[in-house]
Amino acid sequence: MQVARAVHNDEHLCCGQHKFEHVPEISYPGSQMNQTNSISSEIQARIISGNRCYYAYRKLMKSRALNKKLKVKNIIKV
């Protein structure tokens, strides 16, 4: 992936005898990068991830069977 202000539509990047495929966006562990170096897709991905986590544990956190201390301990681990 090439990162530049102007978007390049080349199909492959050649470096010596190696050809690399051009992709508009890549997911690297912990972050997303795109060819214009914009962080809007990264922010959107983090919001979606947070919502998934919240809705996955919603019933557990509203349960009266678990005390508050245990709930806080589990949130910190996640």
PDB file of N, CA and C in Angstrom:
ATOM      1  N   MET A   1       0.839  -1.162   0.000  1.00  0.00           N
ATOM      2  CA  MET A   1       0.000   0.000   0.000  1.00  0.00           C
ATOM      3  C   MET A   1       0.889   1.231   0.000  1.00  0.00           C
ATOM      4  N   GLN A   2       0.604   2.144  -0.881  1.00  0.00           N
ATOM      5  CA  GLN A   2       1.312   3.411  -0.927  1.00  0.00           C
ATOM      6  C   GLN A   2       0.503   4.442  -0.156  1.00  0.00           C
ATOM      7  N   VAL A   3       1.164   5.230   0.655  1.00  0.00           N
ATOM      8  CA  VAL A   3       0.497   6.292   1.390  1.00  0.00           C
ATOM      9  C   VAL A   3       0.987   7.611   0.823  1.00  0.00           C
ATOM     10  N   ALA A   4       0.049   8.390   0.278  1.00  0.00           N
ATOM     11  CA  ALA A   4       0.390   9.675  -0.314  1.00  0.00           C
ATOM     12  C   ALA A   4      -0.840  10.578  -0.278  1.00  0.00           C
ATOM     13  N   ARG A   5      -0.630  11.858  -0.502  1.00  0.00           N
ATOM     14  CA  ARG A   5      -1.767  12.783  -0.540  1.00  0.00           C
ATOM     15  C   ARG A   5      -2.630  12.531  -1.757  1.00  0.00           C
ATOM     16  N   ALA A   6      -2.015  12.289  -2.881  1.00  0.00           N
ATOM     17  CA  ALA A   6      -2.752  11.981  -4.107  1.00  0.00           C
ATOM     18  C   ALA A   6      -2.891  10.469  -4.223  1.00  0.00           C
ATOM     19  N   VAL A   7      -4.070  10.024  -4.608  1.00  0.00           N
ATOM     20  CA  VAL A   7      -4.331   8.591  -4.709  1.00  0.00           C
ATOM     21  C   VAL A   7      -3.780   8.078  -6.029  1.00  0.00           C
ATOM     22  N   HIS A   8      -2.972   7.016  -5.958  1.00  0.00           N
ATOM     23  CA  HIS A   8      -2.417   6.388  -7.152  1.00  0.00           C
ATOM     24  C   HIS A   8      -3.229   5.148  -7.473  1.00  0.00           C
ATOM     25  N   ASN A   9      -3.560   4.950  -8.716  1.00  0.00           N
ATOM     26  CA  ASN A   9      -4.363   3.801  -9.114  1.00  0.00           C
ATOM     27  C   ASN A   9      -3.542   2.743  -9.833  1.00  0.00           C
ATOM     28  N   ASP A  10      -2.265   2.668  -9.520  1.00  0.00           N
ATOM     29  CA  ASP A  10      -1.426   1.633 -10.113  1.00  0.00           C
ATOM     30  C   ASP A  10      -1.863   0.277  -9.579  1.00  0.00           C
ATOM     31  N   GLU A  11      -1.813  -0.731 -10.446  1.00  0.00           N
ATOM     32  CA  GLU A  11      -2.233  -2.057 -10.015  1.00  0.00           C
ATOM     33  C   GLU A  11      -1.169  -2.735  -9.160  1.00  0.00           C
ATOM     34  N   HIS A  12       0.091  -2.580  -9.524  1.00  0.00           N
ATOM     35  CA  HIS A  12       1.152  -3.249  -8.789  1.00  0.00           C
ATOM     36  C   HIS A  12       2.294  -2.274  -8.526  1.00  0.00           C
ATOM     37  N   LEU A  13       2.972  -2.483  -7.425  1.00  0.00           N
ATOM     38  CA  LEU A  13       4.175  -1.742  -7.095  1.00  0.00           C
ATOM     39  C   LEU A  13       5.351  -2.677  -7.355  1.00  0.00           C
ATOM     40  N   CYS A  14       6.277  -2.260  -8.174  1.00  0.00           N
ATOM     41  CA  CYS A  14       7.418  -3.101  -8.511  1.00  0.00           C
ATOM     42  C   CYS A  14       8.652  -2.637  -7.746  1.00  0.00           C
ATOM     43  N   CYS A  15       9.321  -3.595  -7.141  1.00  0.00           N
ATOM     44  CA  CYS A  15      10.563  -3.338  -6.434  1.00  0.00           C
ATOM     45  C   CYS A  15      11.532  -4.434  -6.860  1.00  0.00           C
ATOM     46  N   GLY A  16      12.381  -4.117  -7.821  1.00  0.00           N
ATOM     47  CA  GLY A  16      13.268  -5.140  -8.377  1.00  0.00           C
ATOM     48  C   GLY A  16      12.444  -6.156  -9.140  1.00  0.00           C
ATOM     49  N   GLN A  17      12.587  -7.429  -8.805  1.00  0.00           N
ATOM     50  CA  GLN A  17      11.834  -8.471  -9.490  1.00  0.00           C
ATOM     51  C   GLN A  17      10.523  -8.814  -8.776  1.00  0.00           C
ATOM     52  N   HIS A  18      10.241  -8.148  -7.669  1.00  0.00           N
ATOM     53  CA  HIS A  18       9.038  -8.433  -6.896  1.00  0.00           C
ATOM     54  C   HIS A  18       7.916  -7.464  -7.258  1.00  0.00           C
ATOM     55  N   LYS A  19       6.694  -7.980  -7.352  1.00  0.00           N
ATOM     56  CA  LYS A  19       5.512  -7.149  -7.595  1.00  0.00           C
ATOM     57  C   LYS A  19       4.594  -7.252  -6.386  1.00  0.00           C
ATOM     58  N   PHE A  20       4.129  -6.088  -5.919  1.00  0.00           N
ATOM     59  CA  PHE A  20       3.232  -6.034  -4.777  1.00  0.00           C
ATOM     60  C   PHE A  20       1.879  -5.504  -5.237  1.00  0.00           C
ATOM     61  N   GLU A  21       0.829  -6.165  -4.785  1.00  0.00           N
ATOM     62  CA  GLU A  21      -0.525  -5.772  -5.159  1.00  0.00           C
ATOM     63  C   GLU A  21      -0.912  -4.473  -4.453  1.00  0.00           C
ATOM     64  N   HIS A  22      -1.594  -3.597  -5.175  1.00  0.00           N
ATOM     65  CA  HIS A  22      -2.057  -2.327  -4.627  1.00  0.00           C
ATOM     66  C   HIS A  22      -3.397  -2.543  -3.933  1.00  0.00           C
ATOM     67  N   VAL A  23      -3.498  -2.162  -2.653  1.00  0.00           N
ATOM     68  CA  VAL A  23      -4.757  -2.264  -1.908  1.00  0.00           C
ATOM     69  C   VAL A  23      -5.088  -0.893  -1.327  1.00  0.00           C
ATOM     70  N   PRO A  24      -6.364  -0.520  -1.310  1.00  0.00           N
ATOM     71  CA  PRO A  24      -6.724   0.800  -0.784  1.00  0.00           C
ATOM     72  C   PRO A  24      -6.715   0.872   0.745  1.00  0.00           C
ATOM     73  N   GLU A  25      -6.868  -0.286   1.422  1.00  0.00           N
ATOM     74  CA  GLU A  25      -6.932  -0.291   2.883  1.00  0.00           C
ATOM     75  C   GLU A  25      -6.353  -1.591   3.408  1.00  0.00           C
ATOM     76  N   ILE A  26      -5.678  -1.516   4.560  1.00  0.00           N
ATOM     77  CA  ILE A  26      -5.086  -2.705   5.155  1.00  0.00           C
ATOM     78  C   ILE A  26      -5.365  -2.683   6.664  1.00  0.00           C
ATOM     79  N   SER A  27      -5.569  -3.865   7.225  1.00  0.00           N
ATOM     80  CA  SER A  27      -5.789  -3.987   8.659  1.00  0.00           C
ATOM     81  C   SER A  27      -4.524  -4.570   9.280  1.00  0.00           C
ATOM     82  N   TYR A  28      -3.836  -3.745  10.046  1.00  0.00           N
ATOM     83  CA  TYR A  28      -2.620  -4.147  10.740  1.00  0.00           C
ATOM     84  C   TYR A  28      -3.021  -4.416  12.189  1.00  0.00           C
ATOM     85  N   PRO A  29      -2.391  -5.333  12.902  1.00  0.00           N
ATOM     86  CA  PRO A  29      -2.819  -5.633  14.271  1.00  0.00           C
ATOM     87  C   PRO A  29      -2.982  -4.378  15.137  1.00  0.00           C
ATOM     88  N   GLY A  30      -4.221  -4.134  15.535  1.00  0.00           N
ATOM     89  CA  GLY A  30      -4.515  -2.997  16.394  1.00  0.00           C
ATOM     90  C   GLY A  30      -4.910  -1.730  15.687  1.00  0.00           C
ATOM     91  N   SER A  31      -4.769  -1.654  14.379  1.00  0.00           N
ATOM     92  CA  SER A  31      -5.147  -0.433  13.669  1.00  0.00           C
ATOM     93  C   SER A  31      -5.457  -0.725  12.207  1.00  0.00           C
ATOM     94  N   GLN A  32      -6.133   0.236  11.588  1.00  0.00           N
ATOM     95  CA  GLN A  32      -6.431   0.157  10.158  1.00  0.00           C
ATOM     96  C   GLN A  32      -5.765   1.335   9.471  1.00  0.00           C
ATOM     97  N   MET A  33      -5.177   1.054   8.323  1.00  0.00           N
ATOM     98  CA  MET A  33      -4.498   2.102   7.569  1.00  0.00           C
ATOM     99  C   MET A  33      -5.084   2.135   6.178  1.00  0.00           C
ATOM    100  N   ASN A  34      -5.194   3.347   5.611  1.00  0.00           N
ATOM    101  CA  ASN A  34      -5.638   3.459   4.225  1.00  0.00           C
ATOM    102  C   ASN A  34      -4.657   4.319   3.449  1.00  0.00           C
ATOM    103  N   GLN A  35      -4.856   4.388   2.149  1.00  0.00           N
ATOM    104  CA  GLN A  35      -3.853   5.017   1.287  1.00  0.00           C
ATOM    105  C   GLN A  35      -3.777   6.531   1.434  1.00  0.00           C
ATOM    106  N   THR A  36      -4.810   7.185   1.980  1.00  0.00           N
ATOM    107  CA  THR A  36      -4.755   8.631   2.181  1.00  0.00           C
ATOM    108  C   THR A  36      -4.390   8.993   3.616  1.00  0.00           C
ATOM    109  N   ASN A  37      -4.089   7.993   4.436  1.00  0.00           N
ATOM    110  CA  ASN A  37      -3.684   8.175   5.826  1.00  0.00           C
ATOM    111  C   ASN A  37      -4.763   8.863   6.660  1.00  0.00           C
ATOM    112  N   SER A  38      -6.025   8.568   6.344  1.00  0.00           N
ATOM    113  CA  SER A  38      -7.155   9.117   7.064  1.00  0.00           C
ATOM    114  C   SER A  38      -7.486   8.211   8.249  1.00  0.00           C
ATOM    115  N   ILE A  39      -7.861   8.809   9.380  1.00  0.00           N
ATOM    116  CA  ILE A  39      -8.145   8.005  10.566  1.00  0.00           C
ATOM    117  C   ILE A  39      -9.634   7.759  10.762  1.00  0.00           C
ATOM    118  N   SER A  40     -10.475   8.228   9.860  1.00  0.00           N
ATOM    119  CA  SER A  40     -11.919   8.061  10.034  1.00  0.00           C
ATOM    120  C   SER A  40     -12.324   6.585  10.034  1.00  0.00           C
ATOM    121  N   SER A  41     -11.704   5.761   9.215  1.00  0.00           N
ATOM    122  CA  SER A  41     -12.037   4.333   9.203  1.00  0.00           C
ATOM    123  C   SER A  41     -11.560   3.659  10.488  1.00  0.00           C
ATOM    124  N   GLU A  42     -10.443   4.113  11.048  1.00  0.00           N
ATOM    125  CA  GLU A  42      -9.928   3.587  12.317  1.00  0.00           C
ATOM    126  C   GLU A  42     -10.887   3.918  13.452  1.00  0.00           C
ATOM    127  N   ILE A  43     -11.368   5.144  13.493  1.00  0.00           N
ATOM    128  CA  ILE A  43     -12.304   5.561  14.535  1.00  0.00           C
ATOM    129  C   ILE A  43     -13.597   4.765  14.435  1.00  0.00           C
ATOM    130  N   GLN A  44     -14.115   4.612  13.226  1.00  0.00           N
ATOM    131  CA  GLN A  44     -15.354   3.854  13.018  1.00  0.00           C
ATOM    132  C   GLN A  44     -15.185   2.394  13.443  1.00  0.00           C
ATOM    133  N   ALA A  45     -14.050   1.792  13.142  1.00  0.00           N
ATOM    134  CA  ALA A  45     -13.796   0.397  13.534  1.00  0.00           C
ATOM    135  C   ALA A  45     -13.736   0.254  15.055  1.00  0.00           C
ATOM    136  N   ARG A  46     -13.161   1.221  15.737  1.00  0.00           N
ATOM    137  CA  ARG A  46     -13.080   1.169  17.200  1.00  0.00           C
ATOM    138  C   ARG A  46     -14.452   1.360  17.845  1.00  0.00           C
ATOM    139  N   ILE A  47     -15.279   2.221  17.260  1.00  0.00           N
ATOM    140  CA  ILE A  47     -16.637   2.414  17.769  1.00  0.00           C
ATOM    141  C   ILE A  47     -17.439   1.122  17.628  1.00  0.00           C
ATOM    142  N   ILE A  48     -17.334   0.478  16.484  1.00  0.00           N
ATOM    143  CA  ILE A  48     -18.040  -0.787  16.252  1.00  0.00           C
ATOM    144  C   ILE A  48     -17.551  -1.856  17.219  1.00  0.00           C
ATOM    145  N   SER A  49     -16.244  -1.926  17.439  1.00  0.00           N
ATOM    146  CA  SER A  49     -15.680  -2.904  18.368  1.00  0.00           C
ATOM    147  C   SER A  49     -16.177  -2.663  19.795  1.00  0.00           C
ATOM    148  N   GLY A  50     -16.230  -1.414  20.214  1.00  0.00           N
ATOM    149  CA  GLY A  50     -16.732  -1.085  21.541  1.00  0.00           C
ATOM    150  C   GLY A  50     -18.194  -1.443  21.707  1.00  0.00           C
ATOM    151  N   ASN A  51     -18.998  -1.178  20.668  1.00  0.00           N
ATOM    152  CA  ASN A  51     -20.417  -1.531  20.719  1.00  0.00           C
ATOM    153  C   ASN A  51     -20.614  -3.040  20.795  1.00  0.00           C
ATOM    154  N   ARG A  52     -19.835  -3.790  20.053  1.00  0.00           N
ATOM    155  CA  ARG A  52     -19.941  -5.254  20.110  1.00  0.00           C
ATOM    156  C   ARG A  52     -19.616  -5.776  21.503  1.00  0.00           C
ATOM    157  N   CYS A  53     -18.586  -5.229  22.113  1.00  0.00           N
ATOM    158  CA  CYS A  53     -18.195  -5.645  23.458  1.00  0.00           C
ATOM    159  C   CYS A  53     -19.283  -5.283  24.464  1.00  0.00           C
ATOM    160  N   TYR A  54     -19.820  -4.078  24.362  1.00  0.00           N
ATOM    161  CA  TYR A  54     -20.865  -3.646  25.292  1.00  0.00           C
ATOM    162  C   TYR A  54     -22.093  -4.541  25.195  1.00  0.00           C
ATOM    163  N   TYR A  55     -22.566  -4.785  23.986  1.00  0.00           N
ATOM    164  CA  TYR A  55     -23.779  -5.586  23.829  1.00  0.00           C
ATOM    165  C   TYR A  55     -23.546  -7.069  24.137  1.00  0.00           C
ATOM    166  N   ALA A  56     -22.327  -7.538  24.019  1.00  0.00           N
ATOM    167  CA  ALA A  56     -22.030  -8.934  24.366  1.00  0.00           C
ATOM    168  C   ALA A  56     -22.116  -9.161  25.872  1.00  0.00           C
ATOM    169  N   TYR A  57     -21.728  -8.168  26.680  1.00  0.00           N
ATOM    170  CA  TYR A  57     -21.703  -8.311  28.133  1.00  0.00           C
ATOM    171  C   TYR A  57     -22.840  -7.562  28.830  1.00  0.00           C
ATOM    172  N   ARG A  58     -23.790  -7.040  28.081  1.00  0.00           N
ATOM    173  CA  ARG A  58     -24.865  -6.233  28.656  1.00  0.00           C
ATOM    174  C   ARG A  58     -25.679  -6.994  29.698  1.00  0.00           C
ATOM    175  N   LYS A  59     -26.107  -8.214  29.393  1.00  0.00           N
ATOM    176  CA  LYS A  59     -26.904  -8.993  30.339  1.00  0.00           C
ATOM    177  C   LYS A  59     -26.111  -9.315  31.604  1.00  0.00           C
ATOM    178  N   LEU A  60     -24.856  -9.630  31.437  1.00  0.00           N
ATOM    179  CA  LEU A  60     -24.006  -9.950  32.581  1.00  0.00           C
ATOM    180  C   LEU A  60     -23.842  -8.747  33.504  1.00  0.00           C
ATOM    181  N   MET A  61     -23.641  -7.575  32.943  1.00  0.00           N
ATOM    182  CA  MET A  61     -23.432  -6.379  33.744  1.00  0.00           C
ATOM    183  C   MET A  61     -24.700  -5.903  34.435  1.00  0.00           C
ATOM    184  N   LYS A  62     -25.863  -6.220  33.898  1.00  0.00           N
ATOM    185  CA  LYS A  62     -27.126  -5.825  34.521  1.00  0.00           C
ATOM    186  C   LYS A  62     -27.617  -6.859  35.527  1.00  0.00           C
ATOM    187  N   SER A  63     -26.973  -7.998  35.573  1.00  0.00           N
ATOM    188  CA  SER A  63     -27.389  -9.070  36.468  1.00  0.00           C
ATOM    189  C   SER A  63     -27.138  -8.689  37.926  1.00  0.00           C
ATOM    190  N   ARG A  64     -28.103  -8.992  38.770  1.00  0.00           N
ATOM    191  CA  ARG A  64     -27.951  -8.728  40.202  1.00  0.00           C
ATOM    192  C   ARG A  64     -27.270  -9.895  40.913  1.00  0.00           C
ATOM    193  N   ALA A  65     -27.068 -10.981  40.204  1.00  0.00           N
ATOM    194  CA  ALA A  65     -26.427 -12.150  40.798  1.00  0.00           C
ATOM    195  C   ALA A  65     -24.940 -11.909  41.066  1.00  0.00           C
ATOM    196  N   LEU A  66     -24.329 -11.014  40.301  1.00  0.00           N
ATOM    197  CA  LEU A  66     -22.910 -10.692  40.481  1.00  0.00           C
ATOM    198  C   LEU A  66     -22.771  -9.360  41.208  1.00  0.00           C
ATOM    199  N   ASN A  67     -21.821  -9.290  42.132  1.00  0.00           N
ATOM    200  CA  ASN A  67     -21.630  -8.031  42.846  1.00  0.00           C
ATOM    201  C   ASN A  67     -20.803  -7.049  42.018  1.00  0.00           C
ATOM    202  N   LYS A  68     -20.799  -5.795  42.416  1.00  0.00           N
ATOM    203  CA  LYS A  68     -20.143  -4.725  41.673  1.00  0.00           C
ATOM    204  C   LYS A  68     -18.631  -4.935  41.576  1.00  0.00           C
ATOM    205  N   LYS A  69     -18.035  -5.419  42.646  1.00  0.00           N
ATOM    206  CA  LYS A  69     -16.580  -5.625  42.667  1.00  0.00           C
ATOM    207  C   LYS A  69     -16.152  -6.632  41.592  1.00  0.00           C
ATOM    208  N   LEU A  70     -16.910  -7.700  41.448  1.00  0.00           N
ATOM    209  CA  LEU A  70     -16.605  -8.710  40.439  1.00  0.00           C
ATOM    210  C   LEU A  70     -16.805  -8.178  39.022  1.00  0.00           C
ATOM    211  N   LYS A  71     -17.839  -7.363  38.830  1.00  0.00           N
ATOM    212  CA  LYS A  71     -18.112  -6.778  37.514  1.00  0.00           C
ATOM    213  C   LYS A  71     -16.977  -5.850  37.094  1.00  0.00           C
ATOM    214  N   VAL A  72     -16.502  -5.025  37.987  1.00  0.00           N
ATOM    215  CA  VAL A  72     -15.402  -4.107  37.684  1.00  0.00           C
ATOM    216  C   VAL A  72     -14.131  -4.885  37.384  1.00  0.00           C
ATOM    217  N   LYS A  73     -13.892  -5.957  38.123  1.00  0.00           N
ATOM    218  CA  LYS A  73     -12.713  -6.791  37.899  1.00  0.00           C
ATOM    219  C   LYS A  73     -12.739  -7.403  36.496  1.00  0.00           C
ATOM    220  N   ASN A  74     -13.912  -7.850  36.033  1.00  0.00           N
ATOM    221  CA  ASN A  74     -14.039  -8.443  34.705  1.00  0.00           C
ATOM    222  C   ASN A  74     -13.900  -7.408  33.604  1.00  0.00           C
ATOM    223  N   ILE A  75     -14.364  -6.199  33.815  1.00  0.00           N
ATOM    224  CA  ILE A  75     -14.252  -5.144  32.797  1.00  0.00           C
ATOM    225  C   ILE A  75     -12.786  -4.787  32.577  1.00  0.00           C
ATOM    226  N   ILE A  76     -12.018  -4.722  33.653  1.00  0.00           N
ATOM    227  CA  ILE A  76     -10.601  -4.359  33.542  1.00  0.00           C
ATOM    228  C   ILE A  76      -9.832  -5.421  32.762  1.00  0.00           C
ATOM    229  N   LYS A  77     -10.182  -6.691  32.916  1.00  0.00           N
ATOM    230  CA  LYS A  77      -9.507  -7.770  32.182  1.00  0.00           C
ATOM    231  C   LYS A  77      -9.766  -7.700  30.694  1.00  0.00           C
ATOM    232  N   VAL A  78     -10.977  -7.301  30.279  1.00  0.00           N
ATOM    233  CA  VAL A  78     -11.356  -7.257  28.866  1.00  0.00           C
ATOM    234  C   VAL A  78     -10.627  -6.123  28.257  1.00  0.00           C
TER     235      VAL A  78
END
